Amino acid sequence: MTDFNAFFDPRSVAVIGASRKKDSIGEVIMHNFIQHFRGKSYPVNPNAKQILGKKCYRTITDVPGSVDMAVIAVPAKFVPQVMRECAQKRVPAAVIITSGFSEVGNHELEEEITRIARTTGPRVIGVNCLGVFDSKTDVDTLFLPRSKMDRPKRGNVAFISQSGAVGSIVLDWIASRGIGMSKFVSYGNATDLNDYDFIEFLGRDANTKVICSYMEGTKDGRKLMAAAKKAKKPIIVLKAGRTNEGTSAVSSHTGSLAGADAVYDAAFHQSNIIRANDIEEMFDFARVFSKQPPARGKKVMIITNGGGFGVLATDAIIQNGLELAKWDSKSRKALKKVLPWYAPVHNPMDLVGDANAARYKVALDCAMDDPNVDAVLCITLFQTTSLEPDVVKHVINFSKRRKKPIVGCAAGGKYTHDNMKRLEDAGVPMYEAPHEAAKVLGVLAKYGGRL
């Protein structure tokens, strides 16, 4: 059994290949641990006595006391010997940053590392990877300096990436958008531990609600499917290598076999994995699953103060395999008491251009309690003079009841974006276009229908 705590919550870490050279891989990783890690960190380099103000050790066997995790950033030819020294030290976990293995045809050297990992240990993330980042424990093996790449705030979305480049860009991107993350894993060539190992672990992780994955290929499709079924959490995968040319590119990148795309599609469907078409879509899906419950059915109520947006939303709802909900008699009576005569009780529920926050409150209350409604698409055109800021508070309050998913839609300038941020920060996913909101509602309903 792998002790994943040694990767994400170690008490002590050794950086083998720590360096004094500014902005080198070994210097950045060592700096991360010195600045942010609350446990013990030890630089290991036979050519230095001190690195970043810390005593440096010739080998990991010279480090006093136990070491939970080793971060290895030495040339490829030295990695097997370093692994044997880690085994001698009884280190349970190693992140191997070093490249130059099967991705460049050096299969024998990589196979040697696999043998060591699976016999004497330590277990390995990598080779040819960025490693791990944990927003709670501040474990950070990423060799990209924080001055150039932000780290995400704490959250409940985990991200697994076969590619370090994609992983680093996505981390920076989601940090800039304020999306919270629990854990990040860049596993590179999957020399030892693979995607299914991390999915199985994250399925048990109390800090993770949604699992995202950038994948080029897997080494064992059956294990991947089994882990996904066992996780019982939304798993969203961006699978590269969909074309013949993309498949060839995959084999030269991480040494993986991408396989036929239709086979992956079928496997994902059977194991309840949600497939995203691009990075932005992956995190649109992740955002909504991290903040809202799955929909119990396909019937969506559109609530709006702009008729045109209601029409666009209607088309988008149908195009995403959803249905328009119909108000029951109790809801109709309650709505007619507050709506003007020129606002018919339909779906989309157009509260009309002079709508105020009170009308939204009644409409949302009805939608939450109406047995014919499975989900709500709440469109708020904040520009209208009659719509008070209290509408934000009402949407947030109904969202907190978490009986049914609420997804918001608004578009405009600074005033609109300020209100959208208030809603987003409070747990209401916001989108600028009706088709974006309808797409995530379709995913919530599809996933909910499989539960």
Protein backbone atom coordinates (compact mmCIF):
# COMPACT_ATOMS: atom_id res chain seq x y z
CA MET A 1 0.00 0.00 0.00
CA THR A 2 1.25 3.50 -0.84
CA ASP A 3 1.48 6.00 2.00
CA PHE A 4 0.09 9.02 0.13
CA ASN A 5 0.37 11.12 3.28
CA ALA A 6 4.13 10.99 2.74
CA PHE A 7 3.60 12.86 -0.55
CA PHE A 8 1.04 15.41 0.59
CA ASP A 9 1.57 15.78 4.34
CA PRO A 10 5.18 14.77 5.12
CA ARG A 11 6.87 15.78 8.35
CA SER A 12 10.27 16.02 6.66
CA VAL A 13 11.52 16.44 3.09
CA ALA A 14 14.94 16.11 1.46
CA VAL A 15 15.66 17.91 -1.80
CA ILE A 16 18.31 15.84 -3.58
CA GLY A 17 19.92 18.09 -6.12
CA ALA A 18 19.30 21.28 -4.16
CA SER A 19 21.31 24.11 -5.65
CA ARG A 20 22.81 27.50 -4.84
CA LYS A 21 22.32 28.69 -8.42
CA LYS A 22 19.56 31.30 -8.53
CA ASP A 23 16.33 30.18 -10.28
CA SER A 24 17.72 26.71 -11.04
CA ILE A 25 15.38 23.75 -10.53
CA GLY A 26 17.11 22.67 -7.33
CA GLU A 27 17.17 26.22 -5.95
CA VAL A 28 13.47 26.95 -6.63
CA ILE A 29 12.28 23.68 -5.07
CA MET A 30 14.45 24.17 -1.98
CA HIS A 31 13.25 27.77 -1.69
CA ASN A 32 9.61 26.59 -1.81
CA PHE A 33 10.13 24.33 1.18
CA ILE A 34 12.12 26.86 3.19
CA GLN A 35 9.58 29.62 2.64
CA HIS A 36 6.28 27.75 2.92
CA PHE A 37 6.67 24.23 4.36
CA ARG A 38 6.01 23.83 8.09
CA GLY A 39 7.98 20.59 8.48
CA LYS A 40 11.72 19.93 8.28
CA SER A 41 13.53 20.37 4.95
CA TYR A 42 17.05 19.23 4.10
CA PRO A 43 19.17 20.17 1.07
CA VAL A 44 21.26 17.31 -0.34
CA ASN A 45 24.20 18.04 -2.64
CA PRO A 46 27.73 16.55 -2.39
CA ASN A 47 29.26 19.78 -3.74
CA ALA A 48 27.90 22.25 -1.18
CA LYS A 49 28.17 22.72 2.57
CA GLN A 50 25.28 25.17 2.84
CA ILE A 51 22.33 26.08 0.59
CA LEU A 52 19.95 28.99 1.26
CA GLY A 53 21.24 29.22 4.81
CA LYS A 54 20.69 25.54 5.59
CA LYS A 55 23.30 22.88 6.26
CA CYS A 56 23.71 20.71 3.17
CA TYR A 57 24.23 16.93 3.30
CA ARG A 58 26.34 14.85 0.93
CA THR A 59 23.74 12.08 0.52
CA ILE A 60 20.32 11.42 1.94
CA THR A 61 21.80 8.74 4.20
CA ASP A 62 23.69 11.52 6.01
CA VAL A 63 20.49 13.39 6.90
CA PRO A 64 19.71 13.05 10.64
CA GLY A 65 16.46 11.36 11.63
CA SER A 66 13.77 10.04 9.32
CA VAL A 67 12.77 11.52 5.95
CA ASP A 68 9.21 11.11 4.69
CA MET A 69 9.69 12.34 1.13
CA ALA A 70 12.60 12.88 -1.24
CA VAL A 71 12.42 15.29 -4.15
CA ILE A 72 14.97 14.13 -6.73
CA ALA A 73 16.36 16.63 -9.22
CA VAL A 74 19.67 15.14 -10.36
CA PRO A 75 20.78 14.03 -13.86
CA ALA A 76 19.02 10.88 -15.08
CA LYS A 77 22.08 8.61 -14.86
CA PHE A 78 22.38 9.23 -11.10
CA VAL A 79 18.71 8.62 -10.25
CA PRO A 80 18.95 4.81 -9.68
CA GLN A 81 21.78 5.25 -7.16
CA VAL A 82 19.85 8.02 -5.38
CA MET A 83 16.80 5.72 -5.26
CA ARG A 84 18.90 2.97 -3.63
CA GLU A 85 20.12 5.45 -1.05
CA CYS A 86 16.51 6.48 -0.37
CA ALA A 87 15.64 2.80 0.10
CA GLN A 88 18.55 2.45 2.52
CA LYS A 89 17.21 5.47 4.43
CA ARG A 90 13.70 3.90 4.36
CA VAL A 91 12.15 6.92 2.65
CA PRO A 92 8.56 5.94 1.69
CA ALA A 93 7.94 8.51 -1.06
CA ALA A 94 9.94 10.13 -3.85
CA VAL A 95 9.08 12.74 -6.47
CA ILE A 96 11.47 12.45 -9.41
CA ILE A 97 11.56 15.72 -11.35
CA THR A 98 14.37 14.53 -13.66
CA SER A 99 13.64 13.94 -17.37
CA GLY A 100 15.59 11.94 -19.93
CA PHE A 101 13.90 8.53 -19.66
CA SER A 102 11.37 6.70 -21.83
CA GLU A 103 10.17 9.97 -23.39
CA VAL A 104 13.55 10.10 -25.19
CA GLY A 105 13.85 6.35 -25.68
CA ASN A 106 15.80 5.60 -22.48
CA HIS A 107 13.48 2.74 -21.46
CA GLU A 108 15.98 0.57 -19.59
CA LEU A 109 16.91 3.30 -17.13
CA GLU A 110 13.25 3.99 -16.40
CA GLU A 111 12.50 0.29 -15.95
CA GLU A 112 15.32 0.10 -13.41
CA ILE A 113 13.67 2.85 -11.38
CA THR A 114 10.34 1.03 -11.56
CA ARG A 115 11.95 -2.15 -10.21
CA ILE A 116 13.52 -0.30 -7.29
CA ALA A 117 10.25 1.51 -6.48
CA ARG A 118 8.20 -1.69 -6.44
CA THR A 119 10.68 -3.86 -4.55
CA THR A 120 12.65 -1.88 -1.97
CA GLY A 121 10.92 1.49 -2.42
CA PRO A 122 10.39 4.39 -2.23
CA ARG A 123 7.17 4.70 -4.24
CA VAL A 124 7.54 7.25 -7.03
CA ILE A 125 5.67 10.14 -8.60
CA GLY A 126 7.36 10.87 -11.93
CA VAL A 127 9.77 10.66 -13.62
CA ASN A 128 9.75 13.74 -15.87
CA CYS A 129 7.21 15.69 -13.81
CA LEU A 130 6.49 18.74 -11.67
CA GLY A 131 5.39 16.63 -8.72
CA VAL A 132 2.86 17.79 -6.14
CA PHE A 133 1.28 20.85 -4.59
CA ASP A 134 -1.03 20.76 -1.56
CA SER A 135 -2.79 24.02 -0.68
CA LYS A 136 -3.40 22.94 2.93
CA THR A 137 0.05 21.63 3.90
CA ASP A 138 2.03 23.90 1.51
CA VAL A 139 3.99 20.98 0.10
CA ASP A 140 5.28 22.43 -3.18
CA THR A 141 7.74 20.55 -5.41
CA LEU A 142 7.03 22.72 -8.46
CA PHE A 143 10.23 24.14 -9.90
CA LEU A 144 8.49 27.23 -11.31
CA PRO A 145 9.03 30.29 -9.06
CA ARG A 146 5.97 31.90 -7.49
CA SER A 147 7.03 35.25 -8.98
CA LYS A 148 6.23 33.75 -12.40
CA MET A 149 3.48 31.24 -11.56
CA ASP A 150 0.85 31.74 -8.87
CA ARG A 151 -0.40 28.90 -6.68
CA PRO A 152 -4.17 28.44 -6.20
CA LYS A 153 -5.92 29.22 -2.93
CA ARG A 154 -7.44 26.43 -0.83
CA GLY A 155 -10.44 24.70 -2.32
CA ASN A 156 -12.02 21.31 -3.00
CA VAL A 157 -10.96 20.67 -6.63
CA ALA A 158 -8.02 18.32 -7.24
CA PHE A 159 -6.10 18.29 -10.51
CA ILE A 160 -4.02 15.42 -11.91
CA SER A 161 -1.89 16.13 -14.97
CA GLN A 162 0.22 13.84 -17.11
CA SER A 163 1.86 16.93 -18.58
CA GLY A 164 3.89 19.30 -16.46
CA ALA A 165 3.49 22.11 -19.00
CA VAL A 166 -0.30 21.82 -19.07
CA GLY A 167 -0.34 21.47 -15.30
CA SER A 168 1.70 24.61 -14.69
CA ILE A 169 -0.35 26.74 -17.08
CA VAL A 170 -3.63 25.51 -15.61
CA LEU A 171 -2.44 26.17 -12.04
CA ASP A 172 -1.49 29.73 -12.94
CA TRP A 173 -4.74 30.20 -14.87
CA ILE A 174 -7.06 28.98 -12.11
CA ALA A 175 -5.12 30.89 -9.44
CA SER A 176 -5.77 34.10 -11.40
CA ARG A 177 -9.49 33.24 -11.53
CA GLY A 178 -9.75 32.54 -7.82
CA ILE A 179 -10.66 28.86 -8.17
CA GLY A 180 -9.66 26.91 -5.05
CA MET A 181 -7.67 23.69 -5.25
CA SER A 182 -7.07 20.91 -2.75
CA LYS A 183 -4.22 18.99 -4.39
CA PHE A 184 -2.25 18.97 -7.62
CA VAL A 185 -0.27 16.05 -9.06
CA SER A 186 1.94 16.12 -12.14
CA TYR A 187 2.96 12.48 -12.65
CA GLY A 188 4.84 12.63 -15.96
CA ASN A 189 5.86 9.21 -17.30
CA ALA A 190 4.00 7.29 -14.55
CA THR A 191 7.09 5.20 -13.89
CA ASP A 192 5.49 3.78 -10.75
CA LEU A 193 2.30 5.43 -9.56
CA ASN A 194 -0.29 6.12 -12.25
CA ASP A 195 -3.50 8.08 -12.83
CA TYR A 196 -5.70 5.38 -11.27
CA ASP A 197 -3.61 5.37 -8.08
CA PHE A 198 -4.21 9.10 -7.62
CA ILE A 199 -7.92 8.87 -8.48
CA GLU A 200 -8.34 6.11 -5.91
CA PHE A 201 -6.53 8.19 -3.28
CA LEU A 202 -8.41 11.41 -4.09
CA GLY A 203 -11.67 9.47 -3.96
CA ARG A 204 -10.91 8.95 -0.24
CA ASP A 205 -9.52 12.43 0.37
CA ALA A 206 -11.80 14.46 2.65
CA ASN A 207 -10.49 17.76 1.24
CA THR A 208 -11.37 16.87 -2.37
CA LYS A 209 -14.89 17.08 -3.79
CA VAL A 210 -14.13 17.12 -7.54
CA ILE A 211 -11.29 15.41 -9.45
CA CYS A 212 -9.95 16.87 -12.72
CA SER A 213 -7.43 15.15 -14.94
CA TYR A 214 -5.40 16.01 -18.02
CA MET A 215 -4.61 12.66 -19.62
CA GLU A 216 -2.67 11.60 -22.70
CA GLY A 217 -2.97 7.86 -22.14
CA THR A 218 -3.26 5.32 -19.36
CA LYS A 219 -1.23 2.20 -18.69
CA ASP A 220 -4.18 0.17 -17.43
CA GLY A 221 -7.67 1.06 -18.59
CA ARG A 222 -9.40 -1.47 -16.35
CA LYS A 223 -7.73 -0.10 -13.23
CA LEU A 224 -8.62 3.44 -14.27
CA MET A 225 -12.29 2.49 -14.71
CA ALA A 226 -12.35 0.63 -11.39
CA ALA A 227 -10.81 3.58 -9.54
CA ALA A 228 -13.28 6.02 -11.12
CA LYS A 229 -16.29 3.89 -10.15
CA LYS A 230 -14.93 3.50 -6.62
CA ALA A 231 -14.29 7.23 -6.15
CA LYS A 232 -18.01 8.21 -6.16
CA LYS A 233 -17.03 11.81 -6.90
CA PRO A 234 -17.30 13.79 -10.12
CA ILE A 235 -14.25 13.05 -12.29
CA ILE A 236 -13.67 15.37 -15.24
CA VAL A 237 -11.08 14.36 -17.82
CA LEU A 238 -9.49 16.35 -20.61
CA LYS A 239 -8.11 13.62 -22.88
CA ALA A 240 -5.48 14.62 -25.44
CA GLY A 241 -4.56 12.61 -28.52
CA ARG A 242 -7.99 12.60 -30.15
CA THR A 243 -6.59 12.72 -33.70
CA ASN A 244 -4.05 10.43 -35.37
CA GLU A 245 -1.50 13.26 -35.31
CA GLY A 246 -2.24 13.97 -31.64
CA THR A 247 -1.75 10.30 -30.81
CA SER A 248 1.72 10.39 -32.40
CA ALA A 249 2.59 13.51 -30.41
CA VAL A 250 1.60 11.76 -27.17
CA SER A 251 4.06 8.89 -27.67
CA SER A 252 6.95 11.32 -28.09
CA HIS A 253 5.94 13.38 -25.05
CA THR A 254 5.58 11.04 -22.07
CA GLY A 255 6.16 7.68 -23.73
CA SER A 256 2.47 6.79 -23.30
CA LEU A 257 0.19 5.00 -25.71
CA ALA A 258 -2.84 7.19 -26.37
CA GLY A 259 -4.96 4.42 -27.91
CA ALA A 260 -8.12 4.74 -29.99
CA ASP A 261 -10.17 7.73 -28.91
CA ALA A 262 -13.46 5.86 -29.26
CA VAL A 263 -12.23 3.28 -26.74
CA TYR A 264 -11.54 6.02 -24.19
CA ASP A 265 -14.97 7.54 -24.86
CA ALA A 266 -16.67 4.22 -24.12
CA ALA A 267 -14.57 3.60 -21.02
CA PHE A 268 -15.30 7.07 -19.66
CA HIS A 269 -19.04 6.59 -20.19
CA GLN A 270 -19.05 3.21 -18.45
CA SER A 271 -17.16 4.51 -15.43
CA ASN A 272 -19.10 7.78 -15.00
CA ILE A 273 -16.17 9.97 -16.07
CA ILE A 274 -17.18 13.33 -17.54
CA ARG A 275 -15.19 14.29 -20.63
CA ALA A 276 -14.27 17.93 -21.26
CA ASN A 277 -13.33 19.30 -24.66
CA ASP A 278 -10.85 21.93 -23.48
CA ILE A 279 -9.21 23.33 -20.36
CA GLU A 280 -11.78 26.08 -19.82
CA GLU A 281 -14.65 23.61 -20.10
CA MET A 282 -12.96 21.25 -17.63
CA PHE A 283 -12.83 23.94 -14.97
CA ASP A 284 -16.29 25.30 -15.81
CA PHE A 285 -17.55 21.81 -14.97
CA ALA A 286 -15.32 21.58 -11.90
CA ARG A 287 -16.52 24.93 -10.63
CA VAL A 288 -20.18 23.98 -10.75
CA PHE A 289 -19.62 20.56 -9.12
CA SER A 290 -17.51 22.16 -6.38
CA LYS A 291 -20.29 24.59 -5.46
CA GLN A 292 -23.63 23.00 -6.34
CA PRO A 293 -25.33 19.60 -5.90
CA PRO A 294 -26.09 17.38 -8.91
CA ALA A 295 -29.52 17.85 -10.45
CA ARG A 296 -32.10 15.17 -9.67
CA GLY A 297 -33.58 15.47 -13.14
CA LYS A 298 -33.57 17.40 -16.43
CA LYS A 299 -36.27 20.02 -15.77
CA VAL A 300 -34.81 23.52 -15.58
CA MET A 301 -36.59 26.74 -14.62
CA ILE A 302 -35.23 29.89 -16.26
CA ILE A 303 -35.75 33.05 -14.21
CA THR A 304 -34.82 36.32 -15.93
CA ASN A 305 -35.46 40.05 -16.15
CA GLY A 306 -34.49 40.16 -19.82
CA GLY A 307 -36.68 38.45 -22.41
CA GLY A 308 -33.96 38.10 -25.04
CA PHE A 309 -31.61 36.32 -22.66
CA GLY A 310 -34.52 34.07 -21.69
CA VAL A 311 -35.00 33.05 -25.32
CA LEU A 312 -31.27 32.35 -25.76
CA ALA A 313 -31.31 30.31 -22.56
CA THR A 314 -34.31 28.32 -23.77
CA ASP A 315 -32.50 27.25 -26.94
CA ALA A 316 -29.38 26.38 -24.92
CA ILE A 317 -31.35 24.31 -22.40
CA ILE A 318 -32.91 22.17 -25.15
CA GLN A 319 -29.61 21.87 -27.06
CA ASN A 320 -27.96 20.43 -23.94
CA GLY A 321 -30.50 17.64 -23.56
CA LEU A 322 -32.51 19.36 -20.82
CA GLU A 323 -36.19 20.23 -20.55
CA LEU A 324 -38.15 23.33 -19.60
CA ALA A 325 -39.85 22.86 -16.23
CA LYS A 326 -43.54 23.77 -15.81
CA TRP A 327 -44.78 25.64 -12.73
CA ASP A 328 -47.24 23.73 -10.58
CA SER A 329 -50.52 25.39 -9.49
CA LYS A 330 -49.17 26.50 -6.07
CA SER A 331 -46.23 28.28 -7.68
CA ARG A 332 -48.47 29.97 -10.25
CA LYS A 333 -50.69 31.44 -7.55
CA ALA A 334 -47.76 32.77 -5.55
CA LEU A 335 -46.14 34.33 -8.62
CA LYS A 336 -49.34 36.02 -9.85
CA LYS A 337 -49.62 37.84 -6.52
CA VAL A 338 -46.36 39.73 -7.07
CA LEU A 339 -46.03 39.94 -10.85
CA PRO A 340 -47.62 42.71 -12.95
CA TRP A 341 -50.45 41.74 -15.29
CA TYR A 342 -48.13 41.95 -18.31
CA ALA A 343 -45.81 39.23 -16.97
CA PRO A 344 -47.31 35.80 -17.78
CA VAL A 345 -46.28 32.87 -15.61
CA HIS A 346 -44.29 30.79 -18.07
CA ASN A 347 -40.85 29.25 -18.51
CA PRO A 348 -38.70 31.16 -19.14
CA MET A 349 -40.10 33.14 -16.21
CA ASP A 350 -39.62 36.69 -17.44
CA LEU A 351 -39.92 38.98 -14.42
CA VAL A 352 -39.75 41.79 -17.02
CA GLY A 353 -37.50 44.80 -17.25
CA ASP A 354 -38.84 46.60 -14.17
CA ALA A 355 -38.22 43.58 -11.93
CA ASN A 356 -36.97 44.24 -8.42
CA ALA A 357 -35.25 42.01 -5.88
CA ALA A 358 -38.61 41.08 -4.27
CA ARG A 359 -39.85 39.47 -7.51
CA TYR A 360 -36.65 37.41 -7.74
CA LYS A 361 -37.10 36.32 -4.13
CA VAL A 362 -40.61 34.99 -4.77
CA ALA A 363 -39.63 33.32 -8.06
CA LEU A 364 -36.62 31.62 -6.48
CA ASP A 365 -38.70 30.50 -3.48
CA CYS A 366 -41.24 28.92 -5.81
CA ALA A 367 -38.57 27.24 -7.92
CA MET A 368 -36.87 25.75 -4.85
CA ASP A 369 -40.13 24.28 -3.54
CA ASP A 370 -41.79 23.32 -6.83
CA PRO A 371 -41.61 19.52 -7.35
CA ASN A 372 -41.59 20.06 -11.14
CA VAL A 373 -38.28 21.95 -11.02
CA ASP A 374 -34.92 20.12 -10.82
CA ALA A 375 -32.53 23.05 -11.39
CA VAL A 376 -32.59 26.83 -11.77
CA LEU A 377 -30.90 29.09 -14.31
CA CYS A 378 -31.07 32.56 -12.76
CA ILE A 379 -30.35 35.39 -15.22
CA THR A 380 -29.80 38.81 -13.67
CA LEU A 381 -29.31 41.83 -15.91
CA PHE A 382 -27.91 44.14 -13.25
CA GLN A 383 -28.07 47.22 -15.46
CA THR A 384 -31.82 47.84 -14.95
CA THR A 385 -32.67 50.73 -12.62
CA SER A 386 -35.31 48.83 -10.63
CA LEU A 387 -33.10 45.86 -9.66
CA GLU A 388 -31.68 46.51 -6.18
CA PRO A 389 -28.40 45.01 -4.89
CA ASP A 390 -30.48 42.83 -2.52
CA VAL A 391 -31.06 40.43 -5.42
CA VAL A 392 -27.54 39.09 -4.85
CA LYS A 393 -28.35 38.31 -1.22
CA HIS A 394 -31.55 36.49 -2.22
CA VAL A 395 -29.79 34.30 -4.81
CA ILE A 396 -27.06 33.43 -2.30
CA ASN A 397 -29.57 32.53 0.42
CA PHE A 398 -31.48 30.17 -1.86
CA SER A 399 -28.26 28.61 -3.12
CA LYS A 400 -27.21 27.85 0.45
CA ARG A 401 -30.29 25.68 0.89
CA ARG A 402 -28.64 23.30 -1.62
CA LYS A 403 -31.91 21.56 -2.38
CA LYS A 404 -31.40 22.11 -6.10
CA PRO A 405 -28.56 23.53 -8.16
CA ILE A 406 -28.65 27.23 -9.03
CA VAL A 407 -26.45 28.53 -11.82
CA GLY A 408 -26.26 32.25 -12.57
CA CYS A 409 -25.88 34.19 -15.78
CA ALA A 410 -25.06 37.90 -16.15
CA ALA A 411 -23.16 40.06 -18.61
CA GLY A 412 -21.88 43.59 -18.57
CA GLY A 413 -19.21 45.90 -17.22
CA LYS A 414 -17.68 46.68 -13.84
CA TYR A 415 -20.90 46.90 -11.80
CA THR A 416 -22.09 43.57 -13.20
CA HIS A 417 -18.72 41.89 -12.64
CA ASP A 418 -18.58 43.13 -9.05
CA ASN A 419 -21.96 41.51 -8.36
CA MET A 420 -20.97 38.35 -10.20
CA LYS A 421 -17.89 38.08 -8.00
CA ARG A 422 -20.04 38.40 -4.85
CA LEU A 423 -22.21 35.55 -6.10
CA GLU A 424 -19.27 33.40 -7.21
CA ASP A 425 -17.45 33.88 -3.89
CA ALA A 426 -20.60 32.80 -2.06
CA GLY A 427 -20.91 29.56 -4.03
CA VAL A 428 -23.09 30.48 -7.03
CA PRO A 429 -21.28 29.64 -10.31
CA MET A 430 -21.67 32.58 -12.70
CA TYR A 431 -21.44 32.59 -16.50
CA GLU A 432 -21.61 35.43 -18.99
CA ALA A 433 -23.52 33.59 -21.71
CA PRO A 434 -26.68 31.44 -21.46
CA HIS A 435 -25.11 28.60 -23.46
CA GLU A 436 -22.26 28.32 -20.92
CA ALA A 437 -24.70 28.12 -18.01
CA ALA A 438 -26.88 25.58 -19.84
CA LYS A 439 -23.87 23.39 -20.60
CA VAL A 440 -22.90 23.03 -16.93
CA LEU A 441 -26.52 22.38 -15.95
CA GLY A 442 -26.56 19.61 -18.56
CA VAL A 443 -23.50 18.03 -16.93
CA LEU A 444 -25.06 18.32 -13.45
CA ALA A 445 -28.19 16.58 -14.72
CA LYS A 446 -26.28 13.89 -16.61
CA TYR A 447 -24.15 13.08 -13.56
CA GLY A 448 -27.14 13.22 -11.21
CA GLY A 449 -29.05 10.82 -13.44
CA ARG A 450 -26.31 8.21 -13.01
CA LEU A 451 -26.24 8.33 -9.21
